All heavy atoms as atom14 arrays in JSON, in Angstrom:
{
  "sequence": "RANTNAGKIKIKASVVFEGIHTPLSAELIIKTIDSKHRIIADKNE",
  "atom14_mask": [
    [1, 1, 1, 1, 1, 1, 1, 1, 1, 1, 1, 0, 0, 0],
    [1, 1, 1, 1, 1, 0, 0, 0, 0, 0, 0, 0, 0, 0],
    [1, 1, 1, 1, 1, 1, 1, 1, 0, 0, 0, 0, 0, 0],
    [1, 1, 1, 1, 1, 1, 1, 0, 0, 0, 0, 0, 0, 0],
    [1, 1, 1, 1, 1, 1, 1, 1, 0, 0, 0, 0, 0, 0],
    [1, 1, 1, 1, 1, 0, 0, 0, 0, 0, 0, 0, 0, 0],
    [1, 1, 1, 1, 0, 0, 0, 0, 0, 0, 0, 0, 0, 0],
    [1, 1, 1, 1, 1, 1, 1, 1, 1, 0, 0, 0, 0, 0],
    [1, 1, 1, 1, 1, 1, 1, 1, 0, 0, 0, 0, 0, 0],
    [1, 1, 1, 1, 1, 1, 1, 1, 1, 0, 0, 0, 0, 0],
    [1, 1, 1, 1, 1, 1, 1, 1, 0, 0, 0, 0, 0, 0],
    [1, 1, 1, 1, 1, 1, 1, 1, 1, 0, 0, 0, 0, 0],
    [1, 1, 1, 1, 1, 0, 0, 0, 0, 0, 0, 0, 0, 0],
    [1, 1, 1, 1, 1, 1, 0, 0, 0, 0, 0, 0, 0, 0],
    [1, 1, 1, 1, 1, 1, 1, 0, 0, 0, 0, 0, 0, 0],
    [1, 1, 1, 1, 1, 1, 1, 0, 0, 0, 0, 0, 0, 0],
    [1, 1, 1, 1, 1, 1, 1, 1, 1, 1, 1, 0, 0, 0],
    [1, 1, 1, 1, 1, 1, 1, 1, 1, 0, 0, 0, 0, 0],
    [1, 1, 1, 1, 0, 0, 0, 0, 0, 0, 0, 0, 0, 0],
    [1, 1, 1, 1, 1, 1, 1, 1, 0, 0, 0, 0, 0, 0],
    [1, 1, 1, 1, 1, 1, 1, 1, 1, 1, 0, 0, 0, 0],
    [1, 1, 1, 1, 1, 1, 1, 0, 0, 0, 0, 0, 0, 0],
    [1, 1, 1, 1, 1, 1, 1, 0, 0, 0, 0, 0, 0, 0],
    [1, 1, 1, 1, 1, 1, 1, 1, 0, 0, 0, 0, 0, 0],
    [1, 1, 1, 1, 1, 1, 0, 0, 0, 0, 0, 0, 0, 0],
    [1, 1, 1, 1, 1, 0, 0, 0, 0, 0, 0, 0, 0, 0],
    [1, 1, 1, 1, 1, 1, 1, 1, 1, 0, 0, 0, 0, 0],
    [1, 1, 1, 1, 1, 1, 1, 1, 0, 0, 0, 0, 0, 0],
    [1, 1, 1, 1, 1, 1, 1, 1, 0, 0, 0, 0, 0, 0],
    [1, 1, 1, 1, 1, 1, 1, 1, 0, 0, 0, 0, 0, 0],
    [1, 1, 1, 1, 1, 1, 1, 1, 1, 0, 0, 0, 0, 0],
    [1, 1, 1, 1, 1, 1, 1, 0, 0, 0, 0, 0, 0, 0],
    [1, 1, 1, 1, 1, 1, 1, 1, 0, 0, 0, 0, 0, 0],
    [1, 1, 1, 1, 1, 1, 1, 1, 0, 0, 0, 0, 0, 0],
    [1, 1, 1, 1, 1, 1, 0, 0, 0, 0, 0, 0, 0, 0],
    [1, 1, 1, 1, 1, 1, 1, 1, 1, 0, 0, 0, 0, 0],
    [1, 1, 1, 1, 1, 1, 1, 1, 1, 1, 0, 0, 0, 0],
    [1, 1, 1, 1, 1, 1, 1, 1, 1, 1, 1, 0, 0, 0],
    [1, 1, 1, 1, 1, 1, 1, 1, 0, 0, 0, 0, 0, 0],
    [1, 1, 1, 1, 1, 1, 1, 1, 0, 0, 0, 0, 0, 0],
    [1, 1, 1, 1, 1, 0, 0, 0, 0, 0, 0, 0, 0, 0],
    [1, 1, 1, 1, 1, 1, 1, 1, 0, 0, 0, 0, 0, 0],
    [1, 1, 1, 1, 1, 1, 1, 1, 1, 0, 0, 0, 0, 0],
    [1, 1, 1, 1, 1, 1, 1, 1, 0, 0, 0, 0, 0, 0],
    [1, 1, 1, 1, 1, 1, 1, 1, 1, 0, 0, 0, 0, 0]
  ],
  "atom14_positions": [
    [[7.59, -26.21, 1.47], [7.89, -26.64, 0.1], [7.51, -25.53, -0.88], [6.42, -24.96, -0.79], [7.11, -27.91, -0.24], [7.37, -28.4, -1.66], [6.85, -29.8, -1.9], [5.47, -29.95, -1.48], [4.99, -31.04, -0.88], [5.79, -32.04, -0.6], [3.74, -31.12, -0.53], [0.0, 0.0, 0.0], [0.0, 0.0, 0.0], [0.0, 0.0, 0.0]],
    [[8.41, -25.24, -1.81], [8.13, -24.23, -2.84], [7.21, -24.82, -3.9], [7.25, -26.03, -4.15], [9.44, -23.78, -3.49], [0.0, 0.0, 0.0], [0.0, 0.0, 0.0], [0.0, 0.0, 0.0], [0.0, 0.0, 0.0], [0.0, 0.0, 0.0], [0.0, 0.0, 0.0], [0.0, 0.0, 0.0], [0.0, 0.0, 0.0], [0.0, 0.0, 0.0]],
    [[6.36, -23.96, -4.5], [5.59, -24.45, -5.64], [6.36, -24.16, -6.92], [7.57, -23.94, -6.87], [4.17, -23.86, -5.63], [4.15, -22.35, -5.77], [5.12, -21.73, -6.22], [3.05, -21.73, -5.38], [0.0, 0.0, 0.0], [0.0, 0.0, 0.0], [0.0, 0.0, 0.0], [0.0, 0.0, 0.0], [0.0, 0.0, 0.0], [0.0, 0.0, 0.0]],
    [[5.7, -24.13, -8.06], [6.42, -23.98, -9.33], [6.49, -22.53, -9.81], [6.95, -22.28, -10.92], [5.76, -24.85, -10.42], [4.36, -24.54, -10.48], [5.94, -26.33, -10.1], [0.0, 0.0, 0.0], [0.0, 0.0, 0.0], [0.0, 0.0, 0.0], [0.0, 0.0, 0.0], [0.0, 0.0, 0.0], [0.0, 0.0, 0.0], [0.0, 0.0, 0.0]],
    [[6.02, -21.59, -8.99], [6.09, -20.18, -9.36], [7.09, -19.46, -8.46], [6.93, -19.47, -7.25], [4.71, -19.52, -9.22], [3.67, -20.18, -10.1], [3.9, -20.39, -11.28], [2.54, -20.55, -9.52], [0.0, 0.0, 0.0], [0.0, 0.0, 0.0], [0.0, 0.0, 0.0], [0.0, 0.0, 0.0], [0.0, 0.0, 0.0], [0.0, 0.0, 0.0]],
    [[8.09, -18.84, -9.05], [9.08, -18.11, -8.26], [8.43, -16.87, -7.66], [7.57, -16.25, -8.27], [10.27, -17.72, -9.14], [0.0, 0.0, 0.0], [0.0, 0.0, 0.0], [0.0, 0.0, 0.0], [0.0, 0.0, 0.0], [0.0, 0.0, 0.0], [0.0, 0.0, 0.0], [0.0, 0.0, 0.0], [0.0, 0.0, 0.0], [0.0, 0.0, 0.0]],
    [[8.85, -16.51, -6.47], [8.28, -15.34, -5.8], [8.58, -15.37, -4.32], [9.65, -15.82, -3.91], [0.0, 0.0, 0.0], [0.0, 0.0, 0.0], [0.0, 0.0, 0.0], [0.0, 0.0, 0.0], [0.0, 0.0, 0.0], [0.0, 0.0, 0.0], [0.0, 0.0, 0.0], [0.0, 0.0, 0.0], [0.0, 0.0, 0.0], [0.0, 0.0, 0.0]],
    [[7.62, -14.9, -3.53], [7.83, -14.82, -2.08], [6.92, -15.79, -1.34], [5.78, -16.02, -1.74], [7.55, -13.4, -1.59], [8.57, -12.39, -2.08], [8.24, -11.0, -1.53], [9.26, -9.97, -2.02], [8.94, -8.62, -1.53], [0.0, 0.0, 0.0], [0.0, 0.0, 0.0], [0.0, 0.0, 0.0], [0.0, 0.0, 0.0], [0.0, 0.0, 0.0]],
    [[7.44, -16.31, -0.25], [6.66, -17.15, 0.67], [6.71, -16.45, 2.03], [7.8, -16.13, 2.52], [7.24, -18.56, 0.81], [7.34, -19.25, -0.55], [6.42, -19.4, 1.77], [8.07, -20.59, -0.51], [0.0, 0.0, 0.0], [0.0, 0.0, 0.0], [0.0, 0.0, 0.0], [0.0, 0.0, 0.0], [0.0, 0.0, 0.0], [0.0, 0.0, 0.0]],
    [[5.54, -16.2, 2.61], [5.51, -15.6, 3.94], [5.03, -16.63, 4.95], [3.94, -17.19, 4.81], [4.58, -14.37, 3.96], [4.56, -13.69, 5.32], [3.97, -12.29, 5.25], [2.47, -12.32, 5.3], [1.89, -10.98, 5.46], [0.0, 0.0, 0.0], [0.0, 0.0, 0.0], [0.0, 0.0, 0.0], [0.0, 0.0, 0.0], [0.0, 0.0, 0.0]],
    [[5.86, -16.87, 5.96], [5.52, -17.81, 7.03], [5.31, -17.02, 8.31], [6.11, -16.15, 8.65], [6.64, -18.85, 7.25], [6.91, -19.64, 5.96], [6.28, -19.83, 8.36], [8.16, -19.26, 5.28], [0.0, 0.0, 0.0], [0.0, 0.0, 0.0], [0.0, 0.0, 0.0], [0.0, 0.0, 0.0], [0.0, 0.0, 0.0], [0.0, 0.0, 0.0]],
    [[4.21, -17.33, 9.01], [3.92, -16.67, 10.28], [3.86, -17.74, 11.37], [3.28, -18.8, 11.17], [2.6, -15.92, 10.21], [2.27, -15.18, 11.49], [0.94, -14.44, 11.4], [0.63, -13.75, 12.72], [-0.67, -13.08, 12.71], [0.0, 0.0, 0.0], [0.0, 0.0, 0.0], [0.0, 0.0, 0.0], [0.0, 0.0, 0.0], [0.0, 0.0, 0.0]],
    [[4.48, -17.44, 12.5], [4.46, -18.34, 13.66], [3.83, -17.62, 14.83], [4.13, -16.45, 15.09], [5.87, -18.8, 14.02], [0.0, 0.0, 0.0], [0.0, 0.0, 0.0], [0.0, 0.0, 0.0], [0.0, 0.0, 0.0], [0.0, 0.0, 0.0], [0.0, 0.0, 0.0], [0.0, 0.0, 0.0], [0.0, 0.0, 0.0], [0.0, 0.0, 0.0]],
    [[2.92, -18.29, 15.53], [2.27, -17.69, 16.7], [2.02, -18.77, 17.75], [1.96, -19.96, 17.44], [0.96, -17.02, 16.32], [0.11, -17.93, 15.64], [0.0, 0.0, 0.0], [0.0, 0.0, 0.0], [0.0, 0.0, 0.0], [0.0, 0.0, 0.0], [0.0, 0.0, 0.0], [0.0, 0.0, 0.0], [0.0, 0.0, 0.0], [0.0, 0.0, 0.0]],
    [[1.89, -18.34, 18.99], [1.64, -19.26, 20.1], [0.15, -19.63, 20.09], [-0.7, -18.77, 19.89], [2.04, -18.62, 21.44], [1.62, -19.48, 22.62], [3.55, -18.39, 21.48], [0.0, 0.0, 0.0], [0.0, 0.0, 0.0], [0.0, 0.0, 0.0], [0.0, 0.0, 0.0], [0.0, 0.0, 0.0], [0.0, 0.0, 0.0], [0.0, 0.0, 0.0]],
    [[-0.14, -20.91, 20.29], [-1.52, -21.39, 20.21], [-2.39, -20.83, 21.33], [-3.44, -20.24, 21.07], [-1.56, -22.94, 20.23], [-3.0, -23.44, 20.28], [-0.87, -23.49, 19.0], [0.0, 0.0, 0.0], [0.0, 0.0, 0.0], [0.0, 0.0, 0.0], [0.0, 0.0, 0.0], [0.0, 0.0, 0.0], [0.0, 0.0, 0.0], [0.0, 0.0, 0.0]],
    [[-1.98, -21.01, 22.57], [-2.81, -20.58, 23.7], [-2.34, -19.2, 24.15], [-1.3, -19.06, 24.77], [-2.72, -21.59, 24.85], [-3.08, -22.98, 24.42], [-2.11, -23.96, 24.33], [-4.38, -23.3, 24.08], [-2.43, -25.24, 23.92], [-4.72, -24.58, 23.67], [-3.74, -25.56, 23.59], [0.0, 0.0, 0.0], [0.0, 0.0, 0.0], [0.0, 0.0, 0.0]],
    [[-3.11, -18.18, 23.81], [-2.69, -16.81, 24.1], [-3.13, -16.37, 25.49], [-4.16, -16.81, 26.0], [-3.25, -15.86, 23.05], [-2.7, -16.14, 21.65], [-3.14, -15.11, 20.63], [-3.98, -14.26, 20.97], [-2.62, -15.16, 19.51], [0.0, 0.0, 0.0], [0.0, 0.0, 0.0], [0.0, 0.0, 0.0], [0.0, 0.0, 0.0], [0.0, 0.0, 0.0]],
    [[-2.34, -15.49, 26.09], [-2.63, -14.94, 27.4], [-2.01, -13.57, 27.53], [-1.58, -12.97, 26.55], [0.0, 0.0, 0.0], [0.0, 0.0, 0.0], [0.0, 0.0, 0.0], [0.0, 0.0, 0.0], [0.0, 0.0, 0.0], [0.0, 0.0, 0.0], [0.0, 0.0, 0.0], [0.0, 0.0, 0.0], [0.0, 0.0, 0.0], [0.0, 0.0, 0.0]],
    [[-1.93, -13.06, 28.76], [-1.41, -11.72, 28.99], [0.06, -11.62, 28.59], [0.49, -10.65, 27.99], [-1.57, -11.32, 30.49], [-3.06, -11.31, 30.87], [-0.94, -9.97, 30.77], [-3.31, -11.16, 32.34], [0.0, 0.0, 0.0], [0.0, 0.0, 0.0], [0.0, 0.0, 0.0], [0.0, 0.0, 0.0], [0.0, 0.0, 0.0], [0.0, 0.0, 0.0]],
    [[0.84, -12.64, 28.94], [2.28, -12.6, 28.67], [2.67, -13.5, 27.49], [3.78, -14.03, 27.45], [3.06, -13.02, 29.91], [2.83, -12.13, 31.09], [3.23, -10.81, 31.1], [2.23, -12.35, 32.28], [2.88, -10.26, 32.26], [2.27, -11.18, 32.99], [0.0, 0.0, 0.0], [0.0, 0.0, 0.0], [0.0, 0.0, 0.0], [0.0, 0.0, 0.0]],
    [[1.76, -13.66, 26.54], [2.05, -14.5, 25.38], [3.15, -13.87, 24.53], [3.09, -12.68, 24.22], [0.78, -14.67, 24.51], [-0.23, -15.28, 25.3], [1.07, -15.54, 23.3], [0.0, 0.0, 0.0], [0.0, 0.0, 0.0], [0.0, 0.0, 0.0], [0.0, 0.0, 0.0], [0.0, 0.0, 0.0], [0.0, 0.0, 0.0], [0.0, 0.0, 0.0]],
    [[4.16, -14.64, 24.13], [5.19, -14.1, 23.23], [4.59, -13.62, 21.92], [3.65, -14.24, 21.39], [6.12, -15.3, 22.99], [5.9, -16.19, 24.17], [4.46, -16.01, 24.55], [0.0, 0.0, 0.0], [0.0, 0.0, 0.0], [0.0, 0.0, 0.0], [0.0, 0.0, 0.0], [0.0, 0.0, 0.0], [0.0, 0.0, 0.0], [0.0, 0.0, 0.0]],
    [[5.11, -12.51, 21.41], [4.62, -11.93, 20.16], [4.91, -12.86, 18.99], [5.93, -13.56, 18.97], [5.28, -10.57, 19.91], [5.0, -9.47, 20.95], [5.85, -8.24, 20.65], [3.52, -9.11, 20.95], [0.0, 0.0, 0.0], [0.0, 0.0, 0.0], [0.0, 0.0, 0.0], [0.0, 0.0, 0.0], [0.0, 0.0, 0.0], [0.0, 0.0, 0.0]],
    [[4.01, -12.85, 18.0], [4.2, -13.7, 16.82], [5.34, -13.16, 15.95], [5.8, -12.03, 16.14], [2.9, -13.76, 16.02], [2.52, -12.46, 15.61], [0.0, 0.0, 0.0], [0.0, 0.0, 0.0], [0.0, 0.0, 0.0], [0.0, 0.0, 0.0], [0.0, 0.0, 0.0], [0.0, 0.0, 0.0], [0.0, 0.0, 0.0], [0.0, 0.0, 0.0]],
    [[5.78, -13.98, 15.01], [6.89, -13.59, 14.13], [6.54, -13.94, 12.69], [5.75, -14.85, 12.43], [8.16, -14.3, 14.55], [0.0, 0.0, 0.0], [0.0, 0.0, 0.0], [0.0, 0.0, 0.0], [0.0, 0.0, 0.0], [0.0, 0.0, 0.0], [0.0, 0.0, 0.0], [0.0, 0.0, 0.0], [0.0, 0.0, 0.0], [0.0, 0.0, 0.0]],
    [[7.15, -13.2, 11.76], [6.96, -13.47, 10.33], [8.31, -13.57, 9.64], [9.27, -12.91, 10.03], [6.13, -12.36, 9.67], [4.67, -12.4, 10.02], [3.86, -11.35, 9.26], [4.45, -10.59, 8.47], [2.63, -11.31, 9.46], [0.0, 0.0, 0.0], [0.0, 0.0, 0.0], [0.0, 0.0, 0.0], [0.0, 0.0, 0.0], [0.0, 0.0, 0.0]],
    [[8.36, -14.41, 8.61], [9.58, -14.58, 7.83], [9.18, -14.64, 6.35], [8.22, -15.32, 5.99], [10.28, -15.88, 8.23], [11.51, -16.28, 7.41], [12.68, -15.33, 7.69], [11.92, -17.72, 7.71], [0.0, 0.0, 0.0], [0.0, 0.0, 0.0], [0.0, 0.0, 0.0], [0.0, 0.0, 0.0], [0.0, 0.0, 0.0], [0.0, 0.0, 0.0]],
    [[9.92, -13.91, 5.52], [9.68, -13.96, 4.08], [10.87, -14.63, 3.4], [12.02, -14.24, 3.61], [9.45, -12.55, 3.5], [8.14, -11.99, 4.04], [9.41, -12.6, 1.97], [7.82, -10.58, 3.62], [0.0, 0.0, 0.0], [0.0, 0.0, 0.0], [0.0, 0.0, 0.0], [0.0, 0.0, 0.0], [0.0, 0.0, 0.0], [0.0, 0.0, 0.0]],
    [[10.57, -15.66, 2.61], [11.59, -16.39, 1.85], [11.33, -16.13, 0.38], [10.2, -16.24, -0.1], [11.52, -17.9, 2.14], [11.76, -18.19, 3.62], [12.51, -18.67, 1.28], [11.52, -19.64, 4.0], [0.0, 0.0, 0.0], [0.0, 0.0, 0.0], [0.0, 0.0, 0.0], [0.0, 0.0, 0.0], [0.0, 0.0, 0.0], [0.0, 0.0, 0.0]],
    [[12.39, -15.82, -0.34], [12.27, -15.62, -1.79], [12.68, -16.9, -2.5], [13.71, -17.49, -2.18], [13.15, -14.46, -2.26], [12.66, -13.11, -1.77], [13.55, -12.01, -2.29], [13.07, -10.65, -1.77], [13.96, -9.55, -2.2], [0.0, 0.0, 0.0], [0.0, 0.0, 0.0], [0.0, 0.0, 0.0], [0.0, 0.0, 0.0], [0.0, 0.0, 0.0]],
    [[11.87, -17.32, -3.47], [12.21, -18.49, -4.26], [12.69, -18.03, -5.63], [12.28, -16.99, -6.13], [11.0, -19.44, -4.42], [9.94, -18.76, -5.11], [10.5, -19.91, -3.07], [0.0, 0.0, 0.0], [0.0, 0.0, 0.0], [0.0, 0.0, 0.0], [0.0, 0.0, 0.0], [0.0, 0.0, 0.0], [0.0, 0.0, 0.0], [0.0, 0.0, 0.0]],
    [[13.58, -18.82, -6.21], [14.13, -18.48, -7.53], [13.63, -19.47, -8.57], [13.17, -20.56, -8.23], [15.67, -18.46, -7.51], [16.22, -19.84, -7.12], [16.19, -17.39, -6.55], [17.72, -20.0, -7.32], [0.0, 0.0, 0.0], [0.0, 0.0, 0.0], [0.0, 0.0, 0.0], [0.0, 0.0, 0.0], [0.0, 0.0, 0.0], [0.0, 0.0, 0.0]],
    [[13.72, -19.08, -9.84], [13.32, -19.99, -10.92], [14.15, -21.26, -10.87], [15.34, -21.23, -10.52], [13.5, -19.31, -12.28], [12.46, -18.23, -12.52], [11.28, -18.46, -12.17], [12.82, -17.15, -13.03], [0.0, 0.0, 0.0], [0.0, 0.0, 0.0], [0.0, 0.0, 0.0], [0.0, 0.0, 0.0], [0.0, 0.0, 0.0], [0.0, 0.0, 0.0]],
    [[13.53, -22.36, -11.24], [14.22, -23.64, -11.24], [15.37, -23.63, -12.25], [15.24, -23.07, -13.34], [13.23, -24.75, -11.58], [13.89, -25.98, -11.65], [0.0, 0.0, 0.0], [0.0, 0.0, 0.0], [0.0, 0.0, 0.0], [0.0, 0.0, 0.0], [0.0, 0.0, 0.0], [0.0, 0.0, 0.0], [0.0, 0.0, 0.0], [0.0, 0.0, 0.0]],
    [[16.48, -24.26, -11.88], [17.64, -24.34, -12.79], [17.35, -25.27, -13.95], [17.94, -25.15, -15.02], [18.86, -24.83, -12.03], [19.37, -23.86, -10.99], [20.52, -24.46, -10.2], [20.95, -23.53, -9.09], [21.94, -24.15, -8.19], [0.0, 0.0, 0.0], [0.0, 0.0, 0.0], [0.0, 0.0, 0.0], [0.0, 0.0, 0.0], [0.0, 0.0, 0.0]],
    [[16.46, -26.22, -13.71], [16.12, -27.2, -14.75], [14.69, -26.96, -15.24], [13.81, -26.58, -14.47], [16.25, -28.62, -14.2], [17.6, -28.9, -13.63], [18.71, -29.1, -14.41], [18.03, -28.98, -12.34], [19.77, -29.31, -13.63], [19.38, -29.24, -12.37], [0.0, 0.0, 0.0], [0.0, 0.0, 0.0], [0.0, 0.0, 0.0], [0.0, 0.0, 0.0]],
    [[14.49, -27.22, -16.52], [13.17, -27.04, -17.11], [12.19, -28.04, -16.49], [12.51, -29.22, -16.36], [13.24, -27.24, -18.62], [11.97, -26.93, -19.37], [12.22, -26.93, -20.85], [12.62, -28.22, -21.35], [11.77, -29.17, -21.76], [10.48, -28.95, -21.71], [12.22, -30.32, -22.21], [0.0, 0.0, 0.0], [0.0, 0.0, 0.0], [0.0, 0.0, 0.0]],
    [[11.02, -27.53, -16.12], [9.99, -28.41, -15.55], [9.24, -29.09, -16.69], [8.67, -28.43, -17.56], [9.02, -27.61, -14.66], [9.8, -27.02, -13.47], [7.88, -28.48, -14.17], [9.01, -26.11, -12.6], [0.0, 0.0, 0.0], [0.0, 0.0, 0.0], [0.0, 0.0, 0.0], [0.0, 0.0, 0.0], [0.0, 0.0, 0.0], [0.0, 0.0, 0.0]],
    [[9.3, -30.43, -16.7], [8.71, -31.2, -17.81], [7.19, -31.28, -17.68], [6.47, -31.24, -18.66], [9.31, -32.61, -17.85], [10.83, -32.51, -18.08], [8.68, -33.46, -18.92], [11.57, -33.81, -17.92], [0.0, 0.0, 0.0], [0.0, 0.0, 0.0], [0.0, 0.0, 0.0], [0.0, 0.0, 0.0], [0.0, 0.0, 0.0], [0.0, 0.0, 0.0]],
    [[6.7, -31.38, -16.45], [5.25, -31.54, -16.23], [4.48, -30.34, -16.75], [4.96, -29.2, -16.71], [4.98, -31.73, -14.75], [0.0, 0.0, 0.0], [0.0, 0.0, 0.0], [0.0, 0.0, 0.0], [0.0, 0.0, 0.0], [0.0, 0.0, 0.0], [0.0, 0.0, 0.0], [0.0, 0.0, 0.0], [0.0, 0.0, 0.0], [0.0, 0.0, 0.0]],
    [[3.29, -30.6, -17.25], [2.4, -29.54, -17.73], [1.89, -28.71, -16.55], [1.53, -29.27, -15.51], [1.22, -30.19, -18.47], [0.27, -29.13, -19.02], [0.66, -28.42, -19.95], [-0.85, -29.04, -18.48], [0.0, 0.0, 0.0], [0.0, 0.0, 0.0], [0.0, 0.0, 0.0], [0.0, 0.0, 0.0], [0.0, 0.0, 0.0], [0.0, 0.0, 0.0]],
    [[1.9, -27.38, -16.7], [1.51, -26.5, -15.59], [0.06, -26.74, -15.15], [-0.26, -26.67, -13.97], [1.7, -25.04, -15.97], [3.14, -24.63, -15.98], [3.31, -23.14, -15.94], [4.79, -22.79, -15.78], [5.03, -21.38, -15.63], [0.0, 0.0, 0.0], [0.0, 0.0, 0.0], [0.0, 0.0, 0.0], [0.0, 0.0, 0.0], [0.0, 0.0, 0.0]],
    [[-0.82, -27.03, -16.11], [-2.22, -27.31, -15.76], [-2.33, -28.58, -14.93], [-3.11, -28.66, -13.97], [-3.08, -27.43, -17.03], [-3.21, -26.1, -17.76], [-3.13, -25.04, -17.14], [-3.36, -26.15, -19.07], [0.0, 0.0, 0.0], [0.0, 0.0, 0.0], [0.0, 0.0, 0.0], [0.0, 0.0, 0.0], [0.0, 0.0, 0.0], [0.0, 0.0, 0.0]],
    [[-1.54, -29.6, -15.31], [-1.54, -30.85, -14.55], [-1.02, -30.63, -13.13], [-1.56, -31.18, -12.17], [-0.67, -31.9, -15.25], [-1.29, -32.46, -16.51], [-0.38, -33.48, -17.19], [0.75, -33.68, -16.7], [-0.8, -34.06, -18.2], [0.0, 0.0, 0.0], [0.0, 0.0, 0.0], [0.0, 0.0, 0.0], [0.0, 0.0, 0.0], [0.0, 0.0, 0.0]]
  ]
}
């Protein structure tokens, strides 16, 4: 879920139980854009 600040989200996935032949982890960066609609809620709230 995106928060209210546009920018980048970095997600990392890794295998829980690691060993000699454990698959390498992966990273993904998602860019979020400003909301098309004005956010009514107060930012502090």
